Amino acid sequence: MNTDEIFDVVVIGGGPAGATAAHELARQGRSVLLLDRAGRIKPCGGAIPPRLIKDFDIPDELLVAKAQCARMIAPSNKHVDIPIDNGFVGMVNRESFDEWLRARAATAGAVRRTGVFEKLSRDADGTSVVHYSARERHQRGEGTPAQVRARVIVGADGAKSQVARQGAVPGVEDTQYVFAYHEIVRAPAQATQPAGFDGTRCDVYYQGRFSPDFYGWVFPHGDTMSIGTGSADKGFSLRGSVQRMREASGLAGCETLRREGAPLPMKPLKRWDNGRDVVLAGDAAGVVAPASGEGIYYAMLGGELAAQAAHEMLATGDVRALKLARKRFMKLHGTVFTVLGIMQWLRRPRRAATHLRVLHEQAAHAQEAHGARAHLPQRHEPPAGLCAGVSELWPIRWLLDAVIVFTVLEGLGLWLYHRLTGQGLAPNDYALNMLSGLCLMLAVRAALGGLAWPWIAVCLSASGLAHGWDLQRRWQRQRSTARSVSRPS
């Protein structure tokens, strides 16, 4: 292969983000190489909202099912069904969906090659060189060393991106991950469908038995179904959780067609570019929504924005244009990611408290068994008298826990309804107000629980800042409205 071959942009990774970036760049007349390692299917529920179908011109034949309703199941097993008014959520099989996106990019003019990315280097004039192992098919041990030169590189190679690391994108090593796992099973025949089964409904479980810090899902895919979950807790058995979910939903006897697992980033990276010639998209940039796990729409939007940033950088020669991908994305969806990140964080204290209680119990048993002083983890006690009688306030703490959980579920419900239907309150209209209330309730809950006072101060400060920010935005809107009304026609 010609080692002097050069492309305007090399896109590494052919998932929704990479394929969309390659299509957008080719459509703008750029020379593009789309490098993808074939045979890899990411664990994914496969849900695509109406906005994605409209914005990216997805044909109806790619939809293997149309979900008419989303069911959210609480820890108490109570559930709320959210009908999708005047529409549906499309369900796709990632294998055929991703391939269609890659083929569309090739039709627009992108060059497709199958291969595994290995490393980045630079030639004598500073141009990046992409080294990869070219393959006819995806199989370990096969491949021919190859390399091409690139003026810009779009890293869309998924979570724990090697392009980000090789390209020296700042902060990539600090990314935290949830590990996701799902099983594709054959949907039950009509005669064997369990009670309550609905092939047009997406079920989302927010229950600790299925995930201590994420959620579980049962999504219809026509003649198959995706059943999966995720967790950042390395000691939690995802395969065991999926088995329990299958039993709970009456799908334990369904034939398992395949199993897949992969890490998911927990929040967007602080930088998506290296300030020179690399920009990230999709999971590589961390654009998987916390608490909900939605990723396909954000990946495709991120790929489009990365392509636009690369095109502007090539057109102007200004490397600062690469920063526009993240800046534009966060302007559109930063508030949603902040609120969902807080909702994700809210699920952790209970797990940490349980772990601390277990440590205390184990140490106490050791002290009794050996008659020696055990080293117990110390709790931070509040000043004497200020929270006296806290132990008698357990009904208030339980009530506050219930209010916090209800508020979180309400926020998720409002966000999900708006995402699926485009109706109702937009996240920007309630996010700051809800954040202020949650932080205030967390401060009270922390005081009642006898936690360290710095944590209480942080929660109160966050509540005040969110409330002040919300008031400022309302005041600015009122001023803008008043000016428009008073301006002479």
Protein backbone atom coordinates (compact mmCIF):
# COMPACT_ATOMS: atom_id res chain seq x y z
CA MET A 1 0.00 0.00 0.00
CA ASN A 2 1.28 3.47 -0.87
CA THR A 3 2.89 4.97 2.23
CA ASP A 4 2.64 8.45 0.70
CA GLU A 5 -1.15 8.21 0.55
CA ILE A 6 -2.73 11.15 2.38
CA PHE A 7 -6.31 12.04 3.29
CA ASP A 8 -7.82 15.26 4.55
CA VAL A 9 -9.37 13.25 7.38
CA VAL A 10 -8.96 9.70 8.64
CA VAL A 11 -11.92 8.57 10.75
CA ILE A 12 -11.00 5.69 13.05
CA GLY A 13 -14.04 3.70 14.12
CA GLY A 14 -17.11 2.89 12.03
CA GLY A 15 -19.87 3.05 14.62
CA PRO A 16 -22.65 5.68 14.50
CA ALA A 17 -20.24 8.51 15.44
CA GLY A 18 -17.48 7.61 12.99
CA ALA A 19 -19.77 6.71 10.10
CA THR A 20 -21.71 9.96 10.56
CA ALA A 21 -18.48 11.99 10.67
CA ALA A 22 -17.21 10.30 7.49
CA HIS A 23 -20.52 10.90 5.70
CA GLU A 24 -20.59 14.58 6.68
CA LEU A 25 -16.98 15.19 5.60
CA ALA A 26 -17.37 13.34 2.30
CA ARG A 27 -20.56 15.27 1.62
CA GLN A 28 -18.55 18.49 2.03
CA GLY A 29 -16.00 17.31 -0.54
CA ARG A 30 -13.20 16.24 1.79
CA SER A 31 -11.06 13.17 1.08
CA VAL A 32 -11.95 10.75 3.87
CA LEU A 33 -10.77 7.32 4.95
CA LEU A 34 -13.15 5.40 7.21
CA LEU A 35 -11.17 2.74 9.04
CA ASP A 36 -13.24 0.18 10.91
CA ARG A 37 -12.53 -3.15 12.51
CA ALA A 38 -15.34 -5.39 11.31
CA GLY A 39 -17.15 -7.92 13.45
CA ARG A 40 -17.51 -5.88 16.65
CA ILE A 41 -21.03 -5.15 17.91
CA LYS A 42 -21.37 -2.95 20.97
CA PRO A 43 -23.92 -3.92 23.66
CA CYS A 44 -26.76 -1.48 23.11
CA GLY A 45 -30.51 -1.37 23.60
CA GLY A 46 -30.82 -0.04 20.06
CA ALA A 47 -33.34 2.73 20.78
CA ILE A 48 -33.29 5.75 18.47
CA PRO A 49 -35.60 8.70 19.20
CA PRO A 50 -37.79 10.39 16.57
CA ARG A 51 -35.39 13.34 16.45
CA LEU A 52 -32.55 11.10 15.29
CA ILE A 53 -34.72 9.50 12.61
CA LYS A 54 -35.68 12.94 11.31
CA ASP A 55 -32.31 14.72 11.63
CA PHE A 56 -30.25 11.94 10.06
CA ASP A 57 -32.76 10.65 7.47
CA ILE A 58 -33.02 7.09 8.78
CA PRO A 59 -35.22 4.94 6.50
CA ASP A 60 -38.13 3.04 7.97
CA GLU A 61 -36.84 -0.34 6.80
CA LEU A 62 -33.98 -0.14 9.35
CA LEU A 63 -36.47 -0.15 12.23
CA VAL A 64 -37.02 -3.68 13.47
CA ALA A 65 -39.62 -2.50 15.97
CA LYS A 66 -41.47 0.65 16.97
CA ALA A 67 -41.86 1.09 20.70
CA GLN A 68 -45.10 2.86 21.57
CA CYS A 69 -44.52 3.05 25.32
CA ALA A 70 -41.71 3.23 27.88
CA ARG A 71 -42.20 1.61 31.29
CA MET A 72 -40.06 2.83 34.20
CA ILE A 73 -39.94 0.35 37.10
CA ALA A 74 -39.03 1.72 40.53
CA PRO A 75 -37.23 -0.20 43.33
CA SER A 76 -40.64 -0.88 44.90
CA ASN A 77 -41.71 -2.65 41.66
CA LYS A 78 -44.25 0.08 41.03
CA HIS A 79 -44.09 1.30 37.47
CA VAL A 80 -45.09 4.23 35.32
CA ASP A 81 -45.97 3.78 31.65
CA ILE A 82 -45.10 6.75 29.46
CA PRO A 83 -46.98 6.56 26.15
CA ILE A 84 -45.32 8.16 23.16
CA ASP A 85 -47.96 10.50 21.82
CA ASN A 86 -48.20 10.79 18.04
CA GLY A 87 -45.03 8.85 17.50
CA PHE A 88 -42.73 6.03 18.49
CA VAL A 89 -39.16 5.20 19.39
CA GLY A 90 -37.44 3.23 16.67
CA MET A 91 -35.57 0.08 17.61
CA VAL A 92 -32.62 -1.00 15.48
CA ASN A 93 -30.21 -3.91 15.36
CA ARG A 94 -26.78 -2.35 15.64
CA GLU A 95 -25.16 -4.79 13.23
CA SER A 96 -27.35 -3.76 10.27
CA PHE A 97 -27.81 -0.15 11.41
CA ASP A 98 -24.08 0.58 11.72
CA GLU A 99 -23.35 -1.11 8.38
CA TRP A 100 -26.00 1.02 6.66
CA LEU A 101 -24.37 4.17 8.08
CA ARG A 102 -20.95 3.05 6.82
CA ALA A 103 -22.35 2.25 3.37
CA ARG A 104 -23.98 5.67 3.22
CA ALA A 105 -20.65 7.32 4.00
CA ALA A 106 -19.02 5.32 1.19
CA THR A 107 -21.79 6.34 -1.21
CA ALA A 108 -21.06 9.97 -0.35
CA GLY A 109 -17.40 9.45 -1.31
CA ALA A 110 -15.62 8.13 1.77
CA VAL A 111 -13.04 5.36 1.29
CA ARG A 112 -13.78 2.30 3.44
CA ARG A 113 -11.13 -0.05 4.75
CA THR A 114 -11.21 -2.85 7.28
CA GLY A 115 -8.39 -2.81 9.76
CA VAL A 116 -7.32 -2.44 13.38
CA PHE A 117 -5.78 0.82 14.51
CA GLU A 118 -2.33 0.38 16.06
CA LYS A 119 -0.61 3.72 16.65
CA LEU A 120 -0.01 7.31 15.56
CA SER A 121 3.31 8.81 14.55
CA ARG A 122 4.48 11.90 12.66
CA ASP A 123 6.51 12.22 9.51
CA ALA A 124 9.31 14.74 8.90
CA ASP A 125 6.94 17.65 8.20
CA GLY A 126 4.79 16.96 11.27
CA THR A 127 1.85 15.34 9.47
CA SER A 128 0.19 12.51 11.42
CA VAL A 129 0.70 8.96 10.20
CA VAL A 130 -1.97 6.39 11.07
CA HIS A 131 -0.58 2.87 11.45
CA TYR A 132 -3.05 0.00 11.24
CA SER A 133 -3.31 -3.68 10.44
CA ALA A 134 -5.29 -4.11 7.22
CA ARG A 135 -7.60 -7.14 7.17
CA GLU A 136 -10.04 -8.86 4.88
CA ARG A 137 -12.18 -9.83 7.86
CA HIS A 138 -12.12 -9.49 11.63
CA GLN A 139 -10.01 -12.32 13.02
CA ARG A 140 -7.14 -12.31 15.47
CA GLY A 141 -3.68 -12.90 14.09
CA GLU A 142 -4.50 -11.79 10.56
CA GLY A 143 -3.55 -8.53 8.92
CA THR A 144 -1.01 -6.69 6.84
CA PRO A 145 0.84 -3.65 8.25
CA ALA A 146 -0.32 -0.47 6.54
CA GLN A 147 -0.18 3.27 7.08
CA VAL A 148 -1.68 6.47 5.69
CA ARG A 149 -1.09 10.14 6.37
CA ALA A 150 -3.84 12.41 7.70
CA ARG A 151 -4.22 16.15 8.07
CA VAL A 152 -6.93 15.59 10.70
CA ILE A 153 -7.93 12.47 12.64
CA VAL A 154 -11.40 11.84 14.07
CA GLY A 155 -11.15 9.34 16.92
CA ALA A 156 -14.42 7.43 17.08
CA ASP A 157 -12.95 4.17 18.33
CA GLY A 158 -15.15 3.86 21.41
CA ALA A 159 -14.61 4.01 25.14
CA LYS A 160 -10.99 3.81 26.31
CA SER A 161 -10.04 5.28 22.95
CA GLN A 162 -6.53 4.43 21.79
CA VAL A 163 -6.67 7.35 19.37
CA ALA A 164 -7.23 9.71 22.30
CA ARG A 165 -4.27 8.23 24.16
CA GLN A 166 -1.96 8.09 21.16
CA GLY A 167 -3.02 11.59 20.14
CA ALA A 168 -2.34 12.99 23.62
CA VAL A 169 -5.82 14.39 24.27
CA PRO A 170 -5.59 15.95 27.77
CA GLY A 171 -7.52 14.29 30.59
CA VAL A 172 -8.37 11.07 28.78
CA GLU A 173 -6.67 8.98 31.47
CA ASP A 174 -9.05 10.34 34.13
CA THR A 175 -12.22 9.00 32.48
CA GLN A 176 -14.43 6.72 34.60
CA TYR A 177 -16.48 3.92 33.09
CA VAL A 178 -19.54 1.78 33.58
CA PHE A 179 -19.31 -1.71 32.12
CA ALA A 180 -22.38 -2.68 30.10
CA TYR A 181 -23.50 -6.20 29.23
CA HIS A 182 -26.50 -7.49 27.34
CA GLU A 183 -27.90 -10.65 25.84
CA ILE A 184 -29.78 -10.84 22.55
CA VAL A 185 -32.53 -13.44 22.91
CA ARG A 186 -35.18 -14.72 20.55
CA ALA A 187 -38.53 -13.08 21.30
CA PRO A 188 -41.15 -15.50 22.64
CA ALA A 189 -43.77 -16.79 20.24
CA GLN A 190 -47.26 -15.46 20.80
CA ALA A 191 -48.41 -18.71 22.39
CA THR A 192 -45.58 -18.66 24.94
CA GLN A 193 -45.49 -14.97 25.79
CA PRO A 194 -45.42 -14.34 29.57
CA ALA A 195 -48.17 -12.40 31.28
CA GLY A 196 -47.83 -8.67 30.75
CA PHE A 197 -45.51 -9.05 27.76
CA ASP A 198 -45.70 -6.21 25.23
CA GLY A 199 -43.53 -6.27 22.13
CA THR A 200 -44.05 -2.54 21.62
CA ARG A 201 -42.84 -1.45 25.08
CA CYS A 202 -39.37 -0.62 26.41
CA ASP A 203 -38.88 -1.61 30.06
CA VAL A 204 -36.32 0.27 32.16
CA TYR A 205 -35.51 -1.07 35.66
CA TYR A 206 -34.14 1.26 38.33
CA GLN A 207 -33.59 -1.46 40.90
CA GLY A 208 -30.50 -2.27 42.96
CA ARG A 209 -30.83 -6.01 42.34
CA PHE A 210 -30.28 -5.36 38.63
CA SER A 211 -27.69 -2.60 39.02
CA PRO A 212 -26.47 -0.69 42.08
CA ASP A 213 -25.63 2.45 40.09
CA PHE A 214 -27.04 2.17 36.55
CA TYR A 215 -30.21 0.60 35.18
CA GLY A 216 -31.45 -2.55 33.49
CA TRP A 217 -33.39 -2.75 30.25
CA VAL A 218 -35.60 -5.07 28.25
CA PHE A 219 -36.02 -3.65 24.74
CA PRO A 220 -37.98 -5.23 21.85
CA HIS A 221 -36.21 -5.80 18.52
CA GLY A 222 -38.91 -7.44 16.46
CA ASP A 223 -38.15 -11.15 16.50
CA THR A 224 -35.38 -10.64 19.09
CA MET A 225 -34.96 -8.72 22.34
CA SER A 226 -32.08 -6.96 24.09
CA ILE A 227 -31.83 -7.61 27.84
CA GLY A 228 -28.98 -5.83 29.57
CA THR A 229 -27.59 -3.75 32.40
CA GLY A 230 -24.45 -1.96 33.50
CA SER A 231 -22.46 -1.00 36.59
CA ALA A 232 -19.24 0.66 37.67
CA ASP A 233 -19.04 -1.80 40.59
CA LYS A 234 -16.46 -4.39 39.51
CA GLY A 235 -17.76 -6.83 42.11
CA PHE A 236 -21.29 -6.82 40.72
CA SER A 237 -22.17 -9.74 38.43
CA LEU A 238 -23.71 -8.34 35.27
CA ARG A 239 -24.38 -11.77 33.80
CA GLY A 240 -26.13 -12.81 37.02
CA SER A 241 -28.13 -9.60 36.96
CA VAL A 242 -29.31 -10.20 33.40
CA GLN A 243 -30.31 -13.74 34.34
CA ARG A 244 -32.39 -12.36 37.24
CA MET A 245 -33.95 -9.81 34.90
CA ARG A 246 -34.87 -12.52 32.43
CA GLU A 247 -36.50 -14.49 35.23
CA ALA A 248 -38.37 -11.43 36.52
CA SER A 249 -39.70 -10.60 33.05
CA GLY A 250 -40.60 -14.19 32.17
CA LEU A 251 -37.92 -14.50 29.47
CA ALA A 252 -35.57 -16.98 31.15
CA GLY A 253 -36.50 -19.75 28.72
CA CYS A 254 -35.89 -17.74 25.55
CA GLU A 255 -33.04 -18.83 23.29
CA THR A 256 -29.87 -16.77 23.77
CA LEU A 257 -28.45 -15.73 20.40
CA ARG A 258 -25.37 -13.81 21.52
CA ARG A 259 -23.77 -12.04 24.47
CA GLU A 260 -21.83 -8.75 24.33
CA GLY A 261 -20.09 -6.47 26.80
CA ALA A 262 -18.18 -3.19 26.66
CA PRO A 263 -17.24 -0.19 28.84
CA LEU A 264 -19.31 3.00 28.69
CA PRO A 265 -17.93 6.41 29.73
CA MET A 266 -19.76 8.08 32.61
CA LYS A 267 -19.49 11.69 31.43
CA PRO A 268 -18.13 13.78 28.55
CA LEU A 269 -14.38 14.37 28.51
CA LYS A 270 -13.25 17.89 29.39
CA ARG A 271 -11.30 18.05 26.12
CA TRP A 272 -12.18 16.43 22.81
CA ASP A 273 -9.12 17.57 20.88
CA ASN A 274 -5.36 17.66 21.27
CA GLY A 275 -5.01 21.23 20.05
CA ARG A 276 -3.36 20.09 16.83
CA ASP A 277 -5.03 17.52 14.60
CA VAL A 278 -7.10 15.03 16.64
CA VAL A 279 -10.77 15.42 17.61
CA LEU A 280 -12.93 12.80 19.34
CA ALA A 281 -16.54 11.71 18.82
CA GLY A 282 -19.03 9.25 20.31
CA ASP A 283 -17.99 7.06 23.25
CA ALA A 284 -14.39 8.18 22.74
CA ALA A 285 -15.56 11.69 23.71
CA GLY A 286 -17.67 10.35 26.58
CA VAL A 287 -21.07 11.28 25.17
CA VAL A 288 -23.18 8.57 26.79
CA ALA A 289 -25.92 10.11 28.93
CA PRO A 290 -25.41 9.30 32.65
CA ALA A 291 -28.28 7.51 34.45
CA SER A 292 -30.08 6.83 31.13
CA GLY A 293 -27.26 5.41 29.01
CA GLU A 294 -28.61 6.90 25.79
CA GLY A 295 -25.80 7.07 23.30
CA ILE A 296 -26.75 6.62 19.63
CA TYR A 297 -28.25 10.07 19.09
CA TYR A 298 -25.46 11.80 21.02
CA ALA A 299 -22.84 9.77 19.14
CA MET A 300 -24.22 10.73 15.74
CA LEU A 301 -24.59 14.38 16.71
CA GLY A 302 -21.06 14.35 18.13
CA GLY A 303 -19.75 12.78 14.91
CA GLU A 304 -21.46 15.47 12.85
CA LEU A 305 -20.04 18.25 15.04
CA ALA A 306 -16.55 16.71 14.97
CA ALA A 307 -16.75 16.60 11.17
CA GLN A 308 -17.81 20.23 11.01
CA ALA A 309 -14.95 21.23 13.34
CA ALA A 310 -12.43 19.28 11.23
CA HIS A 311 -13.78 20.87 8.04
CA GLU A 312 -13.46 24.36 9.53
CA MET A 313 -9.93 23.63 10.74
CA LEU A 314 -8.89 22.48 7.26
CA ALA A 315 -10.57 25.47 5.63
CA THR A 316 -9.03 28.08 7.93
CA GLY A 317 -5.84 26.43 9.15
CA ASP A 318 -6.82 27.46 12.69
CA VAL A 319 -6.46 24.47 15.04
CA ARG A 320 -8.72 26.21 17.57
CA ALA A 321 -11.63 25.22 15.34
CA LEU A 322 -11.33 21.66 16.72
CA LYS A 323 -12.58 22.92 20.10
CA LEU A 324 -15.89 23.85 18.49
CA ALA A 325 -17.08 20.23 18.46
CA ARG A 326 -17.30 20.04 22.25
CA LYS A 327 -18.34 23.66 22.68
CA ARG A 328 -21.31 23.29 20.35
CA PHE A 329 -22.33 19.93 21.79
CA MET A 330 -22.30 21.15 25.40
CA LYS A 331 -24.23 24.28 24.45
CA LEU A 332 -26.98 22.04 23.10
CA HIS A 333 -26.96 19.27 25.72
CA GLY A 334 -24.65 20.27 28.58
CA THR A 335 -27.53 20.92 31.00
CA VAL A 336 -29.02 17.48 30.35
CA PHE A 337 -25.69 15.78 31.02
CA THR A 338 -25.21 17.77 34.23
CA VAL A 339 -28.63 16.87 35.63
CA LEU A 340 -28.36 13.20 34.63
CA GLY A 341 -24.85 13.08 36.11
CA ILE A 342 -26.23 14.26 39.45
CA MET A 343 -28.97 11.66 39.25
CA GLN A 344 -26.32 9.02 38.63
CA TRP A 345 -24.29 10.29 41.61
CA LEU A 346 -27.34 10.18 43.87
CA ARG A 347 -27.40 6.39 43.61
CA ARG A 348 -23.92 6.00 45.18
CA PRO A 349 -24.23 7.15 48.83
CA ARG A 350 -26.50 4.28 49.82
CA ARG A 351 -24.03 1.76 48.41
CA ALA A 352 -21.16 3.48 50.23
CA ALA A 353 -23.12 3.57 53.47
CA THR A 354 -23.88 -0.14 53.16
CA HIS A 355 -20.20 -0.88 52.59
CA LEU A 356 -19.22 1.15 55.66
CA ARG A 357 -21.81 -0.65 57.83
CA VAL A 358 -20.42 -4.00 56.70
CA LEU A 359 -16.91 -2.88 57.65
CA HIS A 360 -18.12 -1.85 61.11
CA GLU A 361 -19.89 -5.17 61.61
CA GLN A 362 -16.85 -7.17 60.47
CA ALA A 363 -14.55 -5.21 62.73
CA ALA A 364 -16.92 -5.63 65.66
CA HIS A 365 -17.02 -9.40 65.13
CA ALA A 366 -13.24 -9.47 64.94
CA GLN A 367 -13.01 -7.54 68.21
CA GLU A 368 -15.33 -9.99 69.95
CA ALA A 369 -13.51 -13.01 68.54
CA HIS A 370 -9.98 -11.88 69.36
CA GLY A 371 -10.58 -9.68 72.36
CA ALA A 372 -8.45 -6.96 70.81
CA ARG A 373 -9.13 -3.41 69.82
CA ALA A 374 -10.40 -3.30 66.23
CA HIS A 375 -9.77 -0.35 63.99
CA LEU A 376 -13.20 0.85 62.98
CA PRO A 377 -13.69 3.36 60.18
CA GLN A 378 -14.56 6.63 61.87
CA ARG A 379 -17.64 8.65 61.03
CA HIS A 380 -17.62 12.43 61.21
CA GLU A 381 -19.97 13.46 63.99
CA PRO A 382 -21.81 16.78 63.98
CA PRO A 383 -21.22 19.30 66.76
CA ALA A 384 -22.83 18.26 70.03
CA GLY A 385 -26.36 19.54 70.52
CA LEU A 386 -26.89 20.72 66.96
CA CYS A 387 -28.29 17.41 65.74
CA ALA A 388 -29.12 15.91 69.11
CA GLY A 389 -31.63 13.12 68.94
CA VAL A 390 -30.83 12.31 65.31
CA SER A 391 -31.36 8.64 65.98
CA GLU A 392 -34.99 9.41 66.81
CA LEU A 393 -35.52 11.19 63.49
CA TRP A 394 -35.47 8.06 61.29
CA PRO A 395 -39.03 8.63 59.99
CA ILE A 396 -37.95 12.07 58.69
CA ARG A 397 -34.87 10.57 57.03
CA TRP A 398 -37.00 7.91 55.33
CA LEU A 399 -39.49 10.54 54.20
CA LEU A 400 -36.65 12.69 52.86
CA ASP A 401 -35.18 9.68 51.03
CA ALA A 402 -38.57 9.07 49.44
CA VAL A 403 -38.84 12.71 48.34
CA ILE A 404 -35.32 12.62 46.86
CA VAL A 405 -36.05 9.41 44.95
CA PHE A 406 -39.38 10.79 43.73
CA THR A 407 -37.69 14.00 42.57
CA VAL A 408 -35.04 12.03 40.68
CA LEU A 409 -37.68 9.82 39.03
CA GLU A 410 -39.76 12.89 38.20
CA GLY A 411 -36.74 14.48 36.53
CA LEU A 412 -36.03 11.31 34.58
CA GLY A 413 -39.66 11.07 33.56
CA LEU A 414 -39.81 14.68 32.36
CA TRP A 415 -36.54 14.28 30.47
CA LEU A 416 -37.55 10.96 28.90
CA TYR A 417 -40.98 12.28 27.88
CA HIS A 418 -39.39 15.33 26.25
CA ARG A 419 -36.71 13.21 24.51
CA LEU A 420 -39.27 10.73 23.12
CA THR A 421 -42.03 13.14 22.11
CA GLY A 422 -40.45 16.60 21.80
CA GLN A 423 -43.29 17.85 24.03
CA GLY A 424 -43.52 18.95 27.65
CA LEU A 425 -40.91 20.91 29.56
CA ALA A 426 -37.45 21.21 28.05
CA PRO A 427 -34.63 20.28 30.49
CA ASN A 428 -33.33 23.86 30.44
CA ASP A 429 -36.67 25.02 31.87
CA TYR A 430 -36.47 22.99 35.09
CA ALA A 431 -32.96 21.60 35.49
CA LEU A 432 -31.48 24.35 37.67
CA ASN A 433 -34.55 24.61 39.88
CA MET A 434 -34.58 20.83 40.38
CA LEU A 435 -30.83 20.80 41.03
CA SER A 436 -31.20 23.49 43.69
CA GLY A 437 -33.93 21.53 45.46
CA LEU A 438 -32.02 18.25 45.31
CA CYS A 439 -28.86 19.81 46.74
CA LEU A 440 -30.86 21.39 49.56
CA MET A 441 -32.52 18.07 50.42
CA LEU A 442 -29.13 16.33 50.29
CA ALA A 443 -27.73 18.89 52.74
CA VAL A 444 -30.58 18.21 55.18
CA ARG A 445 -30.22 14.47 54.68
CA ALA A 446 -26.47 14.70 55.31
CA ALA A 447 -27.05 16.65 58.54
CA LEU A 448 -29.61 14.11 59.77
CA GLY A 449 -27.23 11.29 58.92
CA GLY A 450 -24.34 12.84 60.81
CA LEU A 451 -22.07 13.17 57.79
CA ALA A 452 -19.03 15.45 57.64
CA TRP A 453 -19.85 19.15 57.68
CA PRO A 454 -17.79 19.90 54.57
CA TRP A 455 -20.23 17.73 52.61
CA ILE A 456 -23.17 19.69 54.03
CA ALA A 457 -21.48 22.98 53.12
CA VAL A 458 -20.83 21.76 49.57
CA CYS A 459 -24.49 20.75 49.12
CA LEU A 460 -25.76 24.06 50.49
CA SER A 461 -23.35 26.03 48.31
CA ALA A 462 -24.39 24.05 45.21
CA SER A 463 -28.05 24.67 46.05
CA GLY A 464 -27.46 28.40 46.42
CA LEU A 465 -25.45 28.65 43.21
CA ALA A 466 -28.05 26.72 41.20
CA HIS A 467 -30.86 28.85 42.65
CA GLY A 468 -28.96 32.08 41.94
CA TRP A 469 -28.19 30.97 38.39
CA ASP A 470 -31.85 30.11 37.84
CA LEU A 471 -32.98 33.52 39.15
CA GLN A 472 -30.46 35.28 36.91
CA ARG A 473 -31.73 33.45 33.83
CA ARG A 474 -35.35 34.26 34.69
CA TRP A 475 -34.46 37.92 35.25
CA GLN A 476 -32.63 38.07 31.91
CA ARG A 477 -35.61 36.54 30.12
CA GLN A 478 -37.97 39.04 31.75
CA ARG A 479 -35.74 41.94 30.71
CA SER A 480 -35.54 40.61 27.17
CA THR A 481 -39.34 40.25 27.04
CA ALA A 482 -39.86 43.75 28.46
CA ARG A 483 -37.51 45.27 25.89
CA SER A 484 -39.24 43.51 23.01
CA VAL A 485 -42.64 44.73 24.24
CA SER A 486 -41.51 48.34 24.79
CA ARG A 487 -39.58 48.58 21.49
CA PRO A 488 -41.57 50.77 19.08
CA SER A 489 -42.91 49.02 16.00
